Each structure stands twice: as C-alpha cells, then as structure tokens.
Protein backbone atom coordinates (compact mmCIF):
# COMPACT_ATOMS: atom_id res chain seq x y z
CA UNK A 1 -2.46 0.59 43.47
CA UNK A 2 -5.15 -0.76 45.22
CA UNK A 3 -5.80 -4.09 43.14
CA UNK A 4 -9.15 -4.46 44.89
CA UNK A 5 -10.56 -1.20 43.03
CA UNK A 6 -9.98 -3.36 39.57
CA UNK A 7 -11.20 -6.70 38.18
CA UNK A 8 -9.08 -8.75 35.11
CA UNK A 9 -11.46 -8.98 32.06
CA UNK A 10 -11.30 -12.08 29.63
CA UNK A 11 -8.73 -10.51 27.65
CA UNK A 12 -6.72 -9.88 30.92
CA UNK A 13 -6.77 -6.15 31.21
CA UNK A 14 -7.41 -4.53 34.53
CA UNK A 15 -10.61 -2.88 34.26
CA UNK A 16 -11.80 -0.10 36.87
CA UNK A 17 -14.88 -1.43 39.18
CA UNK A 18 -17.86 1.62 39.47
CA UNK A 19 -16.71 2.18 43.18
CA UNK A 20 -13.53 3.92 41.54
CA UNK A 21 -13.45 7.90 41.57
CA UNK A 22 -11.49 9.55 38.81
CA UNK A 23 -9.01 10.88 41.64
CA UNK A 24 -8.48 7.65 42.64
CA UNK A 25 -7.85 6.35 38.89
CA UNK A 26 -5.93 9.07 37.98
CA UNK A 27 -3.61 8.12 41.18
CA UNK A 28 -3.30 4.52 39.96
CA UNK A 29 -2.38 5.40 36.24
CA UNK A 30 0.37 7.79 37.34
CA UNK A 31 2.09 4.91 39.26
CA UNK A 32 4.65 2.61 37.82
CA UNK A 33 4.52 1.24 34.31
CA UNK A 34 0.80 1.41 32.70
CA UNK A 35 -0.63 1.33 29.63
CA UNK A 36 -4.01 3.24 29.70
CA UNK A 37 -6.29 1.89 27.06
CA UNK A 38 -9.44 3.51 26.29
CA UNK A 39 -12.06 2.60 24.05
CA UNK A 40 -15.20 2.71 22.71
CA UNK A 41 -17.96 0.55 21.88
CA UNK A 42 -18.97 -0.51 18.35
CA UNK A 43 -15.67 1.25 17.09
CA UNK A 44 -14.47 -1.43 14.75
CA UNK A 45 -10.75 -0.49 15.07
CA UNK A 46 -11.07 -1.09 18.86
CA UNK A 47 -12.37 -4.45 18.24
CA UNK A 48 -9.44 -5.47 16.35
CA UNK A 49 -7.08 -4.40 19.02
CA UNK A 50 -8.14 -6.21 21.83
CA UNK A 51 -7.92 -8.86 19.86
CA UNK A 52 -4.40 -7.92 19.97
CA UNK A 53 -4.24 -6.84 23.41
CA UNK A 54 -5.32 -9.83 24.55
CA UNK A 55 -2.35 -11.88 23.46
CA UNK A 56 0.07 -8.89 24.75
CA UNK A 57 -1.63 -8.69 28.11
CA UNK A 58 0.72 -11.59 29.40
CA UNK A 59 3.63 -9.92 28.05
CA UNK A 60 3.02 -6.26 29.97
CA UNK A 61 1.97 -8.51 33.23
CA UNK A 62 5.60 -10.30 32.82
CA UNK A 63 7.34 -7.19 32.60
CA UNK A 64 5.93 -5.71 35.68
CA UNK A 65 3.88 -3.30 33.66
CA UNK A 66 0.27 -3.02 33.91
CA UNK A 67 -2.47 -2.39 30.99
CA UNK A 68 -6.10 -0.66 32.07
CA UNK A 69 -8.99 -0.60 29.95
CA UNK A 70 -11.48 2.05 30.08
CA UNK A 71 -14.68 2.11 28.07
CA UNK A 72 -16.51 5.17 26.94
CA UNK A 73 -19.72 3.86 28.27
CA UNK A 74 -18.56 3.49 31.85
CA UNK A 75 -19.49 6.54 33.75
CA UNK A 76 -16.11 7.17 35.90
CA UNK A 77 -13.99 5.97 32.33
CA UNK A 78 -15.80 8.51 30.55
CA UNK A 79 -15.02 11.32 33.06
CA UNK A 80 -11.24 9.91 32.92
CA UNK A 81 -11.31 10.44 29.36
CA UNK A 82 -13.00 13.90 29.41
CA UNK A 83 -10.36 15.12 31.52
CA UNK A 84 -7.65 13.81 29.55
CA UNK A 85 -9.07 15.22 26.58
CA UNK A 86 -9.44 12.01 24.81
CA UNK A 87 -11.93 12.21 21.57
CA UNK A 88 -10.22 9.84 19.49
CA UNK A 89 -10.57 5.96 19.60
CA UNK A 90 -9.29 3.92 20.23
CA UNK A 91 -6.53 6.03 22.46
CA UNK A 92 -3.21 4.54 24.54
CA UNK A 93 -1.48 6.46 27.10
CA UNK A 94 2.04 5.23 28.30
CA UNK A 95 3.08 6.10 31.36
CA UNK A 96 6.08 5.69 33.16
CA UNK A 97 6.50 6.79 36.46
CA UNK A 98 3.64 9.64 36.21
CA UNK A 99 4.60 10.63 32.97
CA UNK A 100 3.02 10.25 29.82
CA UNK A 101 6.13 9.18 27.62
CA UNK A 102 3.92 8.25 24.40
CA UNK A 103 0.70 7.70 23.13
CA UNK A 104 -1.50 6.68 19.66
CA UNK A 105 -4.57 8.59 18.96
CA UNK A 106 -7.13 6.71 16.53
CA UNK A 107 -6.64 4.00 14.17
CA UNK A 108 -2.80 5.62 13.43
CA UNK A 109 -0.91 2.59 14.13
CA UNK A 110 -1.54 -0.83 13.08
CA UNK A 111 -1.40 -3.94 14.83
CA UNK A 112 2.22 -5.08 14.52
CA UNK A 113 3.52 -1.42 15.02
CA UNK A 114 1.26 -1.45 18.21
CA UNK A 115 3.22 -4.73 19.30
CA UNK A 116 6.51 -3.16 18.90
CA UNK A 117 5.37 -0.09 20.66
CA UNK A 118 4.39 -1.87 23.76
CA UNK A 119 7.52 -4.00 23.65
CA UNK A 120 9.81 -1.03 23.55
CA UNK A 121 7.89 0.30 25.97
CA UNK A 122 8.37 -2.34 28.45
CA UNK A 123 12.28 -2.87 27.94
C-alpha cells in the first residue's frame, strides 16, 4: 500500500487522494486487513457513524489494520463504489488477505454492534 496515495483526515481515516486510480485503490483494499467505509454526504446515519469511527480508528491502527473512507462525492471513490455494487449507505466491507469476510449495508447495525464487529474482525 503506497501511503503517498492517502491522507489522514480529522477522524483518523485514510482517504484516497485524487491522483489514485480505481485499480490502485482496489489493490490497496485487497491487501492485509482493511475496513472500507463508503458513505454519502447528507446521510444522517453516516454522520453518526463518522463519530463512532473517530473513536475506533486508533483501535484499528493499533491492530495493524487500516480504515479507508470513501465519499460518494469524489470521482474515484464513486467509481470504486459502482464497481462493488454499493448502493446503500453507509456500507462497510471487511477485508482480510484480499477476501471480503463481512459487510454491513445501510443502517442495519447500531453503533454498539459496529464497535463489536470491528473488534471481532481485528482479533
């Protein structure tokens, strides 16, 4: 994973920079332990999860994982989402060694359940 293709936002998420292409993004996502969080501006549930993720991002990093955040308003992020068939927000994909091992679609999980899912994934 080329960290020069990312910036860390105020919540501690890795955010792909505009120079990255979809192929590079997919390759980065598939390596190691990743949680990919796709969200949409104006989504109320996404906003609530942003607050929860800001508390969990340090836990993810301590456990050698990466939390990549994608916003539907960014071109490359949106291309990735379309390629993955993402249409419900928020959407989380849990990757381990290139395989999706779990996912959460829409607001089907509470903030408390989210914390437990992330902790279970990192173990």
